């Protein structure tokens, strides 16, 4: 598996996708929520599934303790705490190799 550090373009693309998702939720709430709340809920669920699946397919994670690089499941990507700091993006995960829970570094998976 080949991977690299995420670039500024990758971070910008992620922010754009998240903003589109937020805009779609807000517009859907304005149009559907009073009468067709189930359509709004469907929009939120489908959008979230697409966003998390896209993120899962584009990223791998590096353990800071042992250096092991690995992929995670859709559910783990959906539920794990995410964040950003001056070192880049991270997820709080348990490494499958050393079994230690830590802030893993997010890396870009190369096609």
PDB file of N, CA and C in Angstrom:
ATOM      1  N   UNK A   1       0.851  -1.170   0.000  1.00  0.00           N
ATOM      2  CA  UNK A   1       0.000   0.000   0.000  1.00  0.00           C
ATOM      3  C   UNK A   1       0.898   1.236   0.000  1.00  0.00           C
ATOM      4  N   UNK A   2       0.634   2.161  -0.903  1.00  0.00           N
ATOM      5  CA  UNK A   2       1.393   3.400  -0.977  1.00  0.00           C
ATOM      6  C   UNK A   2       0.584   4.518  -0.338  1.00  0.00           C
ATOM      7  N   UNK A   3       1.286   5.406   0.357  1.00  0.00           N
ATOM      8  CA  UNK A   3       0.626   6.521   1.029  1.00  0.00           C
ATOM      9  C   UNK A   3       1.583   7.691   1.123  1.00  0.00           C
ATOM     10  N   UNK A   4       1.021   8.880   1.411  1.00  0.00           N
ATOM     11  CA  UNK A   4       1.836  10.084   1.554  1.00  0.00           C
ATOM     12  C   UNK A   4       1.156  11.037   2.536  1.00  0.00           C
ATOM     13  N   UNK A   5       1.871  12.085   2.878  1.00  0.00           N
ATOM     14  CA  UNK A   5       1.305  13.124   3.733  1.00  0.00           C
ATOM     15  C   UNK A   5       0.206  13.850   2.946  1.00  0.00           C
ATOM     16  N   UNK A   6      -0.900  14.211   3.607  1.00  0.00           N
ATOM     17  CA  UNK A   6      -1.927  15.001   2.919  1.00  0.00           C
ATOM     18  C   UNK A   6      -1.383  16.388   2.561  1.00  0.00           C
ATOM     19  N   UNK A   7      -1.799  16.890   1.421  1.00  0.00           N
ATOM     20  CA  UNK A   7      -1.375  18.224   0.982  1.00  0.00           C
ATOM     21  C   UNK A   7      -2.447  19.251   1.327  1.00  0.00           C
ATOM     22  N   UNK A   8      -2.113  20.498   1.119  1.00  0.00           N
ATOM     23  CA  UNK A   8      -3.084  21.581   1.356  1.00  0.00           C
ATOM     24  C   UNK A   8      -4.320  21.376   0.472  1.00  0.00           C
ATOM     25  N   UNK A   9      -4.104  20.883  -0.747  1.00  0.00           N
ATOM     26  CA  UNK A   9      -5.213  20.613  -1.677  1.00  0.00           C
ATOM     27  C   UNK A   9      -6.158  19.561  -1.086  1.00  0.00           C
ATOM     28  N   UNK A  10      -5.596  18.531  -0.441  1.00  0.00           N
ATOM     29  CA  UNK A  10      -6.422  17.484   0.168  1.00  0.00           C
ATOM     30  C   UNK A  10      -7.278  18.054   1.299  1.00  0.00           C
ATOM     31  N   UNK A  11      -6.674  18.900   2.143  1.00  0.00           N
ATOM     32  CA  UNK A  11      -7.426  19.522   3.234  1.00  0.00           C
ATOM     33  C   UNK A  11      -8.519  20.442   2.688  1.00  0.00           C
ATOM     34  N   UNK A  12      -8.189  21.193   1.629  1.00  0.00           N
ATOM     35  CA  UNK A  12      -9.178  22.088   1.013  1.00  0.00           C
ATOM     36  C   UNK A  12     -10.335  21.287   0.435  1.00  0.00           C
ATOM     37  N   UNK A  13     -10.030  20.172  -0.228  1.00  0.00           N
ATOM     38  CA  UNK A  13     -11.081  19.323  -0.797  1.00  0.00           C
ATOM     39  C   UNK A  13     -11.995  18.784   0.312  1.00  0.00           C
ATOM     40  N   UNK A  14     -11.428  18.379   1.427  1.00  0.00           N
ATOM     41  CA  UNK A  14     -12.227  17.882   2.550  1.00  0.00           C
ATOM     42  C   UNK A  14     -13.149  18.966   3.093  1.00  0.00           C
ATOM     43  N   UNK A  15     -12.620  20.172   3.256  1.00  0.00           N
ATOM     44  CA  UNK A  15     -13.422  21.287   3.775  1.00  0.00           C
ATOM     45  C   UNK A  15     -14.555  21.614   2.803  1.00  0.00           C
ATOM     46  N   UNK A  16     -14.275  21.612   1.507  1.00  0.00           N
ATOM     47  CA  UNK A  16     -15.311  21.893   0.508  1.00  0.00           C
ATOM     48  C   UNK A  16     -16.428  20.843   0.583  1.00  0.00           C
ATOM     49  N   UNK A  17     -16.077  19.565   0.672  1.00  0.00           N
ATOM     50  CA  UNK A  17     -17.094  18.510   0.768  1.00  0.00           C
ATOM     51  C   UNK A  17     -17.932  18.654   2.042  1.00  0.00           C
ATOM     52  N   UNK A  18     -17.290  18.998   3.148  1.00  0.00           N
ATOM     53  CA  UNK A  18     -18.029  19.179   4.405  1.00  0.00           C
ATOM     54  C   UNK A  18     -18.966  20.384   4.311  1.00  0.00           C
ATOM     55  N   UNK A  19     -18.502  21.475   3.696  1.00  0.00           N
ATOM     56  CA  UNK A  19     -19.360  22.655   3.536  1.00  0.00           C
ATOM     57  C   UNK A  19     -20.550  22.378   2.616  1.00  0.00           C
ATOM     58  N   UNK A  20     -20.332  21.605   1.557  1.00  0.00           N
ATOM     59  CA  UNK A  20     -21.445  21.216   0.670  1.00  0.00           C
ATOM     60  C   UNK A  20     -22.463  20.388   1.452  1.00  0.00           C
ATOM     61  N   UNK A  21     -21.983  19.471   2.279  1.00  0.00           N
ATOM     62  CA  UNK A  21     -22.872  18.646   3.104  1.00  0.00           C
ATOM     63  C   UNK A  21     -23.677  19.518   4.075  1.00  0.00           C
ATOM     64  N   UNK A  22     -23.014  20.459   4.730  1.00  0.00           N
ATOM     65  CA  UNK A  22     -23.708  21.354   5.664  1.00  0.00           C
ATOM     66  C   UNK A  22     -24.738  22.211   4.933  1.00  0.00           C
ATOM     67  N   UNK A  23     -24.385  22.723   3.754  1.00  0.00           N
ATOM     68  CA  UNK A  23     -25.320  23.520   2.965  1.00  0.00           C
ATOM     69  C   UNK A  23     -26.536  22.683   2.558  1.00  0.00           C
ATOM     70  N   UNK A  24     -26.313  21.441   2.142  1.00  0.00           N
ATOM     71  CA  UNK A  24     -27.418  20.563   1.740  1.00  0.00           C
ATOM     72  C   UNK A  24     -28.339  20.271   2.929  1.00  0.00           C
ATOM     73  N   UNK A  25     -27.771  20.076   4.111  1.00  0.00           N
ATOM     74  CA  UNK A  25     -28.589  19.842   5.306  1.00  0.00           C
ATOM     75  C   UNK A  25     -29.416  21.080   5.644  1.00  0.00           C
ATOM     76  N   UNK A  26     -28.775  22.245   5.582  1.00  0.00           N
ATOM     77  CA  UNK A  26     -29.481  23.492   5.904  1.00  0.00           C
ATOM     78  C   UNK A  26     -30.602  23.770   4.898  1.00  0.00           C
ATOM     79  N   UNK A  27     -30.305  23.615   3.616  1.00  0.00           N
ATOM     80  CA  UNK A  27     -31.325  23.835   2.584  1.00  0.00           C
ATOM     81  C   UNK A  27     -32.449  22.811   2.718  1.00  0.00           C
ATOM     82  N   UNK A  28     -32.069  21.559   2.966  1.00  0.00           N
ATOM     83  CA  UNK A  28     -33.074  20.517   3.162  1.00  0.00           C
ATOM     84  C   UNK A  28     -33.946  20.783   4.374  1.00  0.00           C
ATOM     85  N   UNK A  29     -33.353  21.304   5.437  1.00  0.00           N
ATOM     86  CA  UNK A  29     -34.132  21.633   6.632  1.00  0.00           C
ATOM     87  C   UNK A  29     -35.135  22.734   6.315  1.00  0.00           C
ATOM     88  N   UNK A  30     -34.705  23.732   5.561  1.00  0.00           N
ATOM     89  CA  UNK A  30     -35.592  24.833   5.190  1.00  0.00           C
ATOM     90  C   UNK A  30     -36.742  24.344   4.309  1.00  0.00           C
ATOM     91  N   UNK A  31     -36.447  23.448   3.369  1.00  0.00           N
ATOM     92  CA  UNK A  31     -37.470  23.003   2.422  1.00  0.00           C
ATOM     93  C   UNK A  31     -38.340  21.852   2.942  1.00  0.00           C
ATOM     94  N   UNK A  32     -37.738  20.898   3.659  1.00  0.00           N
ATOM     95  CA  UNK A  32     -38.437  19.657   3.984  1.00  0.00           C
ATOM     96  C   UNK A  32     -38.863  19.495   5.434  1.00  0.00           C
ATOM     97  N   UNK A  33     -38.174  20.121   6.356  1.00  0.00           N
ATOM     98  CA  UNK A  33     -38.356  19.784   7.762  1.00  0.00           C
ATOM     99  C   UNK A  33     -39.780  19.945   8.280  1.00  0.00           C
ATOM    100  N   UNK A  34     -40.478  21.040   7.996  1.00  0.00           N
ATOM    101  CA  UNK A  34     -41.826  21.155   8.581  1.00  0.00           C
ATOM    102  C   UNK A  34     -42.798  20.059   8.130  1.00  0.00           C
ATOM    103  N   UNK A  35     -42.807  19.743   6.845  1.00  0.00           N
ATOM    104  CA  UNK A  35     -43.797  18.797   6.337  1.00  0.00           C
ATOM    105  C   UNK A  35     -43.209  17.435   6.000  1.00  0.00           C
ATOM    106  N   UNK A  36     -42.084  17.450   5.331  1.00  0.00           N
ATOM    107  CA  UNK A  36     -41.476  16.207   4.850  1.00  0.00           C
ATOM    108  C   UNK A  36     -40.193  15.911   5.629  1.00  0.00           C
ATOM    109  N   UNK A  37     -40.285  15.798   6.928  1.00  0.00           N
ATOM    110  CA  UNK A  37     -39.113  15.595   7.793  1.00  0.00           C
ATOM    111  C   UNK A  37     -38.354  14.320   7.444  1.00  0.00           C
ATOM    112  N   UNK A  38     -39.067  13.298   6.958  1.00  0.00           N
ATOM    113  CA  UNK A  38     -38.428  12.027   6.618  1.00  0.00           C
ATOM    114  C   UNK A  38     -37.498  12.182   5.413  1.00  0.00           C
ATOM    115  N   UNK A  39     -37.808  13.101   4.478  1.00  0.00           N
ATOM    116  CA  UNK A  39     -36.910  13.363   3.350  1.00  0.00           C
ATOM    117  C   UNK A  39     -35.635  14.047   3.829  1.00  0.00           C
ATOM    118  N   UNK A  40     -35.783  14.961   4.808  1.00  0.00           N
ATOM    119  CA  UNK A  40     -34.614  15.629   5.369  1.00  0.00           C
ATOM    120  C   UNK A  40     -33.714  14.624   6.091  1.00  0.00           C
ATOM    121  N   UNK A  41     -34.336  13.734   6.858  1.00  0.00           N
ATOM    122  CA  UNK A  41     -33.576  12.716   7.564  1.00  0.00           C
ATOM    123  C   UNK A  41     -32.855  11.796   6.576  1.00  0.00           C
ATOM    124  N   UNK A  42     -33.509  11.431   5.498  1.00  0.00           N
ATOM    125  CA  UNK A  42     -32.892  10.619   4.456  1.00  0.00           C
ATOM    126  C   UNK A  42     -31.710  11.356   3.822  1.00  0.00           C
ATOM    127  N   UNK A  43     -31.868  12.655   3.574  1.00  0.00           N
ATOM    128  CA  UNK A  43     -30.794  13.479   3.018  1.00  0.00           C
ATOM    129  C   UNK A  43     -29.580  13.487   3.959  1.00  0.00           C
ATOM    130  N   UNK A  44     -29.818  13.645   5.251  1.00  0.00           N
ATOM    131  CA  UNK A  44     -28.727  13.655   6.232  1.00  0.00           C
ATOM    132  C   UNK A  44     -28.013  12.303   6.267  1.00  0.00           C
ATOM    133  N   UNK A  45     -28.758  11.227   6.314  1.00  0.00           N
ATOM    134  CA  UNK A  45     -28.158   9.887   6.407  1.00  0.00           C
ATOM    135  C   UNK A  45     -27.374   9.548   5.140  1.00  0.00           C
ATOM    136  N   UNK A  46     -27.957   9.766   3.984  1.00  0.00           N
ATOM    137  CA  UNK A  46     -27.279   9.461   2.715  1.00  0.00           C
ATOM    138  C   UNK A  46     -26.021  10.323   2.570  1.00  0.00           C
ATOM    139  N   UNK A  47     -26.131  11.598   2.887  1.00  0.00           N
ATOM    140  CA  UNK A  47     -24.972  12.486   2.801  1.00  0.00           C
ATOM    141  C   UNK A  47     -23.852  12.063   3.738  1.00  0.00           C
ATOM    142  N   UNK A  48     -24.206  11.681   4.957  1.00  0.00           N
ATOM    143  CA  UNK A  48     -23.209  11.248   5.924  1.00  0.00           C
ATOM    144  C   UNK A  48     -22.530   9.958   5.481  1.00  0.00           C
ATOM    145  N   UNK A  49     -23.301   9.015   4.962  1.00  0.00           N
ATOM    146  CA  UNK A  49     -22.734   7.757   4.467  1.00  0.00           C
ATOM    147  C   UNK A  49     -21.769   8.031   3.311  1.00  0.00           C
ATOM    148  N   UNK A  50     -22.156   8.886   2.379  1.00  0.00           N
ATOM    149  CA  UNK A  50     -21.284   9.213   1.246  1.00  0.00           C
ATOM    150  C   UNK A  50     -20.003   9.900   1.702  1.00  0.00           C
ATOM    151  N   UNK A  51     -20.117  10.839   2.628  1.00  0.00           N
ATOM    152  CA  UNK A  51     -18.959  11.579   3.117  1.00  0.00           C
ATOM    153  C   UNK A  51     -17.980  10.668   3.862  1.00  0.00           C
ATOM    154  N   UNK A  52     -18.488   9.830   4.756  1.00  0.00           N
ATOM    155  CA  UNK A  52     -17.620   8.925   5.518  1.00  0.00           C
ATOM    156  C   UNK A  52     -16.999   7.871   4.601  1.00  0.00           C
ATOM    157  N   UNK A  53     -17.761   7.349   3.655  1.00  0.00           N
ATOM    158  CA  UNK A  53     -17.230   6.357   2.727  1.00  0.00           C
ATOM    159  C   UNK A  53     -16.116   6.958   1.862  1.00  0.00           C
ATOM    160  N   UNK A  54     -16.295   8.181   1.396  1.00  0.00           N
ATOM    161  CA  UNK A  54     -15.266   8.869   0.625  1.00  0.00           C
ATOM    162  C   UNK A  54     -13.995   9.012   1.471  1.00  0.00           C
ATOM    163  N   UNK A  55     -14.153   9.437   2.734  1.00  0.00           N
ATOM    164  CA  UNK A  55     -13.005   9.612   3.628  1.00  0.00           C
ATOM    165  C   UNK A  55     -12.295   8.285   3.879  1.00  0.00           C
ATOM    166  N   UNK A  56     -13.058   7.230   4.087  1.00  0.00           N
ATOM    167  CA  UNK A  56     -12.491   5.905   4.354  1.00  0.00           C
ATOM    168  C   UNK A  56     -11.661   5.409   3.166  1.00  0.00           C
ATOM    169  N   UNK A  57     -12.145   5.655   1.961  1.00  0.00           N
ATOM    170  CA  UNK A  57     -11.447   5.184   0.764  1.00  0.00           C
ATOM    171  C   UNK A  57     -10.170   5.965   0.478  1.00  0.00           C
ATOM    172  N   UNK A  58     -10.067   7.188   0.975  1.00  0.00           N
ATOM    173  CA  UNK A  58      -8.929   8.053   0.654  1.00  0.00           C
ATOM    174  C   UNK A  58      -7.840   8.074   1.717  1.00  0.00           C
ATOM    175  N   UNK A  59      -8.049   7.448   2.886  1.00  0.00           N
ATOM    176  CA  UNK A  59      -7.106   7.613   3.985  1.00  0.00           C
ATOM    177  C   UNK A  59      -6.630   6.292   4.585  1.00  0.00           C
ATOM    178  N   UNK A  60      -5.447   6.330   5.167  1.00  0.00           N
ATOM    179  CA  UNK A  60      -4.894   5.278   6.021  1.00  0.00           C
ATOM    180  C   UNK A  60      -4.360   5.976   7.266  1.00  0.00           C
ATOM    181  N   UNK A  61      -3.989   5.202   8.280  1.00  0.00           N
ATOM    182  CA  UNK A  61      -3.601   5.768   9.566  1.00  0.00           C
ATOM    183  C   UNK A  61      -2.280   5.187  10.031  1.00  0.00           C
ATOM    184  N   UNK A  62      -1.465   6.030  10.655  1.00  0.00           N
ATOM    185  CA  UNK A  62      -0.147   5.631  11.130  1.00  0.00           C
ATOM    186  C   UNK A  62      -0.098   5.760  12.645  1.00  0.00           C
ATOM    187  N   UNK A  63       0.269   4.669  13.319  1.00  0.00           N
ATOM    188  CA  UNK A  63       0.387   4.657  14.776  1.00  0.00           C
ATOM    189  C   UNK A  63       1.651   5.425  15.189  1.00  0.00           C
ATOM    190  N   UNK A  64       1.537   6.391  16.094  1.00  0.00           N
ATOM    191  CA  UNK A  64       2.731   7.124  16.533  1.00  0.00           C
ATOM    192  C   UNK A  64       3.631   6.290  17.450  1.00  0.00           C
ATOM    193  N   UNK A  65       3.092   5.222  18.040  1.00  0.00           N
ATOM    194  CA  UNK A  65       3.874   4.396  18.959  1.00  0.00           C
ATOM    195  C   UNK A  65       4.792   3.426  18.221  1.00  0.00           C
ATOM    196  N   UNK A  66       4.229   2.694  17.240  1.00  0.00           N
ATOM    197  CA  UNK A  66       5.016   1.641  16.574  1.00  0.00           C
ATOM    198  C   UNK A  66       5.222   1.888  15.079  1.00  0.00           C
ATOM    199  N   UNK A  67       4.537   2.883  14.495  1.00  0.00           N
ATOM    200  CA  UNK A  67       4.701   3.202  13.080  1.00  0.00           C
ATOM    201  C   UNK A  67       3.884   2.343  12.129  1.00  0.00           C
ATOM    202  N   UNK A  68       3.070   1.434  12.665  1.00  0.00           N
ATOM    203  CA  UNK A  68       2.246   0.564  11.831  1.00  0.00           C
ATOM    204  C   UNK A  68       1.220   1.405  11.047  1.00  0.00           C
ATOM    205  N   UNK A  69       1.084   1.139   9.749  1.00  0.00           N
ATOM    206  CA  UNK A  69       0.123   1.846   8.898  1.00  0.00           C
ATOM    207  C   UNK A  69      -1.011   0.889   8.573  1.00  0.00           C
ATOM    208  N   UNK A  70      -2.253   1.341   8.772  1.00  0.00           N
ATOM    209  CA  UNK A  70      -3.405   0.459   8.599  1.00  0.00           C
ATOM    210  C   UNK A  70      -4.641   1.229   8.171  1.00  0.00           C
ATOM    211  N   UNK A  71      -5.636   0.489   7.672  1.00  0.00           N
ATOM    212  CA  UNK A  71      -6.931   1.037   7.298  1.00  0.00           C
ATOM    213  C   UNK A  71      -7.936   0.705   8.393  1.00  0.00           C
ATOM    214  N   UNK A  72      -9.044   1.437   8.411  1.00  0.00           N
ATOM    215  CA  UNK A  72     -10.093   1.183   9.399  1.00  0.00           C
ATOM    216  C   UNK A  72     -11.423   0.939   8.684  1.00  0.00           C
ATOM    217  N   UNK A  73     -12.388   0.412   9.419  1.00  0.00           N
ATOM    218  CA  UNK A  73     -13.700   0.119   8.853  1.00  0.00           C
ATOM    219  C   UNK A  73     -14.547   1.393   8.744  1.00  0.00           C
ATOM    220  N   UNK A  74     -15.636   1.287   8.006  1.00  0.00           N
ATOM    221  CA  UNK A  74     -16.577   2.388   7.854  1.00  0.00           C
ATOM    222  C   UNK A  74     -17.117   2.834   9.210  1.00  0.00           C
ATOM    223  N   UNK A  75     -17.532   1.884  10.042  1.00  0.00           N
ATOM    224  CA  UNK A  75     -18.115   2.208  11.353  1.00  0.00           C
ATOM    225  C   UNK A  75     -17.091   2.897  12.243  1.00  0.00           C
ATOM    226  N   UNK A  76     -15.850   2.413  12.229  1.00  0.00           N
ATOM    227  CA  UNK A  76     -14.803   3.049  13.033  1.00  0.00           C
ATOM    228  C   UNK A  76     -14.553   4.468  12.554  1.00  0.00           C
ATOM    229  N   UNK A  77     -14.526   4.672  11.238  1.00  0.00           N
ATOM    230  CA  UNK A  77     -14.327   6.017  10.694  1.00  0.00           C
ATOM    231  C   UNK A  77     -15.487   6.929  11.069  1.00  0.00           C
ATOM    232  N   UNK A  78     -16.671   6.396  11.108  1.00  0.00           N
ATOM    233  CA  UNK A  78     -17.849   7.188  11.469  1.00  0.00           C
ATOM    234  C   UNK A  78     -17.836   7.584  12.943  1.00  0.00           C
ATOM    235  N   UNK A  79     -17.448   6.673  13.827  1.00  0.00           N
ATOM    236  CA  UNK A  79     -17.601   6.884  15.265  1.00  0.00           C
ATOM    237  C   UNK A  79     -16.352   7.368  15.993  1.00  0.00           C
ATOM    238  N   UNK A  80     -15.176   7.203  15.427  1.00  0.00           N
ATOM    239  CA  UNK A  80     -13.934   7.592  16.120  1.00  0.00           C
ATOM    240  C   UNK A  80     -13.828   9.114  16.240  1.00  0.00           C
ATOM    241  N   UNK A  81     -13.308   9.599  17.375  1.00  0.00           N
ATOM    242  CA  UNK A  81     -13.067  11.040  17.509  1.00  0.00           C
ATOM    243  C   UNK A  81     -12.027  11.512  16.495  1.00  0.00           C
ATOM    244  N   UNK A  82     -12.345  12.596  15.792  1.00  0.00           N
ATOM    245  CA  UNK A  82     -11.466  13.181  14.785  1.00  0.00           C
ATOM    246  C   UNK A  82     -10.990  14.542  15.280  1.00  0.00           C
ATOM    247  N   UNK A  83      -9.885  15.009  14.732  1.00  0.00           N
ATOM    248  CA  UNK A  83      -9.428  16.346  15.070  1.00  0.00           C
ATOM    249  C   UNK A  83      -8.279  16.792  14.187  1.00  0.00           C
ATOM    250  N   UNK A  84      -7.865  18.043  14.413  1.00  0.00           N
ATOM    251  CA  UNK A  84      -6.716  18.613  13.704  1.00  0.00           C
ATOM    252  C   UNK A  84      -5.895  19.380  14.722  1.00  0.00           C
ATOM    253  N   UNK A  85      -4.581  19.318  14.553  1.00  0.00           N
ATOM    254  CA  UNK A  85      -3.686  20.143  15.337  1.00  0.00           C
ATOM    255  C   UNK A  85      -2.565  20.608  14.412  1.00  0.00           C
ATOM    256  N   UNK A  86      -1.522  21.209  14.965  1.00  0.00           N
ATOM    257  CA  UNK A  86      -0.471  21.748  14.093  1.00  0.00           C
ATOM    258  C   UNK A  86       0.298  20.660  13.342  1.00  0.00           C
ATOM    259  N   UNK A  87       0.178  19.418  13.781  1.00  0.00           N
ATOM    260  CA  UNK A  87       0.836  18.309  13.089  1.00  0.00           C
ATOM    261  C   UNK A  87      -0.023  17.695  11.989  1.00  0.00           C
ATOM    262  N   UNK A  88      -1.260  18.142  11.853  1.00  0.00           N
ATOM    263  CA  UNK A  88      -2.159  17.612  10.828  1.00  0.00           C
ATOM    264  C   UNK A  88      -3.379  16.949  11.432  1.00  0.00           C
ATOM    265  N   UNK A  89      -4.095  16.200  10.606  1.00  0.00           N
ATOM    266  CA  UNK A  89      -5.328  15.542  11.040  1.00  0.00           C
ATOM    267  C   UNK A  89      -5.001  14.280  11.831  1.00  0.00           C
ATOM    268  N   UNK A  90      -5.896  13.908  12.753  1.00  0.00           N
ATOM    269  CA  UNK A  90      -5.706  12.709  13.564  1.00  0.00           C
ATOM    270  C   UNK A  90      -7.051  12.071  13.890  1.00  0.00           C
ATOM    271  N   UNK A  91      -7.007  10.809  14.239  1.00  0.00           N
ATOM    272  CA  UNK A  91      -8.141  10.062  14.788  1.00  0.00           C
ATOM    273  C   UNK A  91      -7.646   9.351  16.039  1.00  0.00           C
ATOM    274  N   UNK A  92      -8.494   9.248  17.035  1.00  0.00           N
ATOM    275  CA  UNK A  92      -8.157   8.517  18.246  1.00  0.00           C
ATOM    276  C   UNK A  92      -8.534   7.059  18.026  1.00  0.00           C
ATOM    277  N   UNK A  93      -7.514   6.199  17.825  1.00  0.00           N
ATOM    278  CA  UNK A  93      -7.739   4.801  17.474  1.00  0.00           C
ATOM    279  C   UNK A  93      -6.820   3.884  18.278  1.00  0.00           C
ATOM    280  N   UNK A  94      -7.192   2.608  18.330  1.00  0.00           N
ATOM    281  CA  UNK A  94      -6.337   1.576  18.919  1.00  0.00           C
ATOM    282  C   UNK A  94      -5.600   0.878  17.773  1.00  0.00           C
ATOM    283  N   UNK A  95      -4.291   0.868  17.866  1.00  0.00           N
ATOM    284  CA  UNK A  95      -3.456   0.253  16.825  1.00  0.00           C
ATOM    285  C   UNK A  95      -3.654  -1.265  16.834  1.00  0.00           C
ATOM    286  N   UNK A  96      -3.903  -1.867  15.678  1.00  0.00           N
ATOM    287  CA  UNK A  96      -4.066  -3.329  15.633  1.00  0.00           C
ATOM    288  C   UNK A  96      -2.756  -4.084  15.881  1.00  0.00           C
ATOM    289  N   UNK A  97      -1.626  -3.401  15.757  1.00  0.00           N
ATOM    290  CA  UNK A  97      -0.339  -4.057  15.942  1.00  0.00           C
ATOM    291  C   UNK A  97       0.123  -4.016  17.402  1.00  0.00           C
ATOM    292  N   UNK A  98       0.235  -2.807  17.982  1.00  0.00           N
ATOM    293  CA  UNK A  98       0.751  -2.689  19.348  1.00  0.00           C
ATOM    294  C   UNK A  98      -0.355  -2.590  20.401  1.00  0.00           C
ATOM    295  N   UNK A  99      -1.614  -2.471  19.968  1.00  0.00           N
ATOM    296  CA  UNK A  99      -2.800  -2.419  20.835  1.00  0.00           C
ATOM    297  C   UNK A  99      -2.866  -1.181  21.731  1.00  0.00           C
ATOM    298  N   UNK A 100      -2.073  -0.143  21.440  1.00  0.00           N
ATOM    299  CA  UNK A 100      -2.115   1.090  22.226  1.00  0.00           C
ATOM    300  C   UNK A 100      -3.077   2.071  21.581  1.00  0.00           C
ATOM    301  N   UNK A 101      -3.844   2.776  22.430  1.00  0.00           N
ATOM    302  CA  UNK A 101      -4.801   3.774  21.955  1.00  0.00           C
ATOM    303  C   UNK A 101      -4.103   5.133  21.940  1.00  0.00           C
ATOM    304  N   UNK A 102      -4.105   5.776  20.767  1.00  0.00           N
ATOM    305  CA  UNK A 102      -3.440   7.072  20.650  1.00  0.00           C
ATOM    306  C   UNK A 102      -3.994   7.842  19.462  1.00  0.00           C
ATOM    307  N   UNK A 103      -3.546   9.086  19.335  1.00  0.00           N
ATOM    308  CA  UNK A 103      -3.927   9.911  18.192  1.00  0.00           C
ATOM    309  C   UNK A 103      -3.115   9.455  16.990  1.00  0.00           C
ATOM    310  N   UNK A 104      -3.765   8.758  16.079  1.00  0.00           N
ATOM    311  CA  UNK A 104      -3.075   8.266  14.891  1.00  0.00           C
ATOM    312  C   UNK A 104      -3.044   9.355  13.832  1.00  0.00           C
ATOM    313  N   UNK A 105      -1.987   9.388  13.085  1.00  0.00           N
ATOM    314  CA  UNK A 105      -1.826  10.373  12.029  1.00  0.00           C
ATOM    315  C   UNK A 105      -2.570   9.922  10.778  1.00  0.00           C
ATOM    316  N   UNK A 106      -3.301  10.844  10.175  1.00  0.00           N
ATOM    317  CA  UNK A 106      -4.039  10.552   8.939  1.00  0.00           C
ATOM    318  C   UNK A 106      -3.094  10.744   7.757  1.00  0.00           C
ATOM    319  N   UNK A 107      -3.031   9.734   6.897  1.00  0.00           N
ATOM    320  CA  UNK A 107      -2.222   9.786   5.686  1.00  0.00           C
ATOM    321  C   UNK A 107      -3.120   9.585   4.473  1.00  0.00           C
ATOM    322  N   UNK A 108      -2.691  10.130   3.340  1.00  0.00           N
ATOM    323  CA  UNK A 108      -3.444  10.000   2.099  1.00  0.00           C
ATOM    324  C   UNK A 108      -3.052   8.696   1.414  1.00  0.00           C
ATOM    325  N   UNK A 109      -4.042   7.886   1.069  1.00  0.00           N
ATOM    326  CA  UNK A 109      -3.807   6.642   0.332  1.00  0.00           C
ATOM    327  C   UNK A 109      -3.616   7.008  -1.146  1.00  0.00           C
ATOM    328  N   UNK A 110      -2.536   6.506  -1.719  1.00  0.00           N
ATOM    329  CA  UNK A 110      -2.287   6.771  -3.141  1.00  0.00           C
ATOM    330  C   UNK A 110      -2.902   5.657  -3.969  1.00  0.00           C
ATOM    331  N   UNK A 111      -3.511   6.026  -5.068  1.00  0.00           N
ATOM    332  CA  UNK A 111      -4.185   5.068  -5.941  1.00  0.00           C
ATOM    333  C   UNK A 111      -3.174   4.229  -6.683  1.00  0.00           C
TER     334      UNK A 111
END
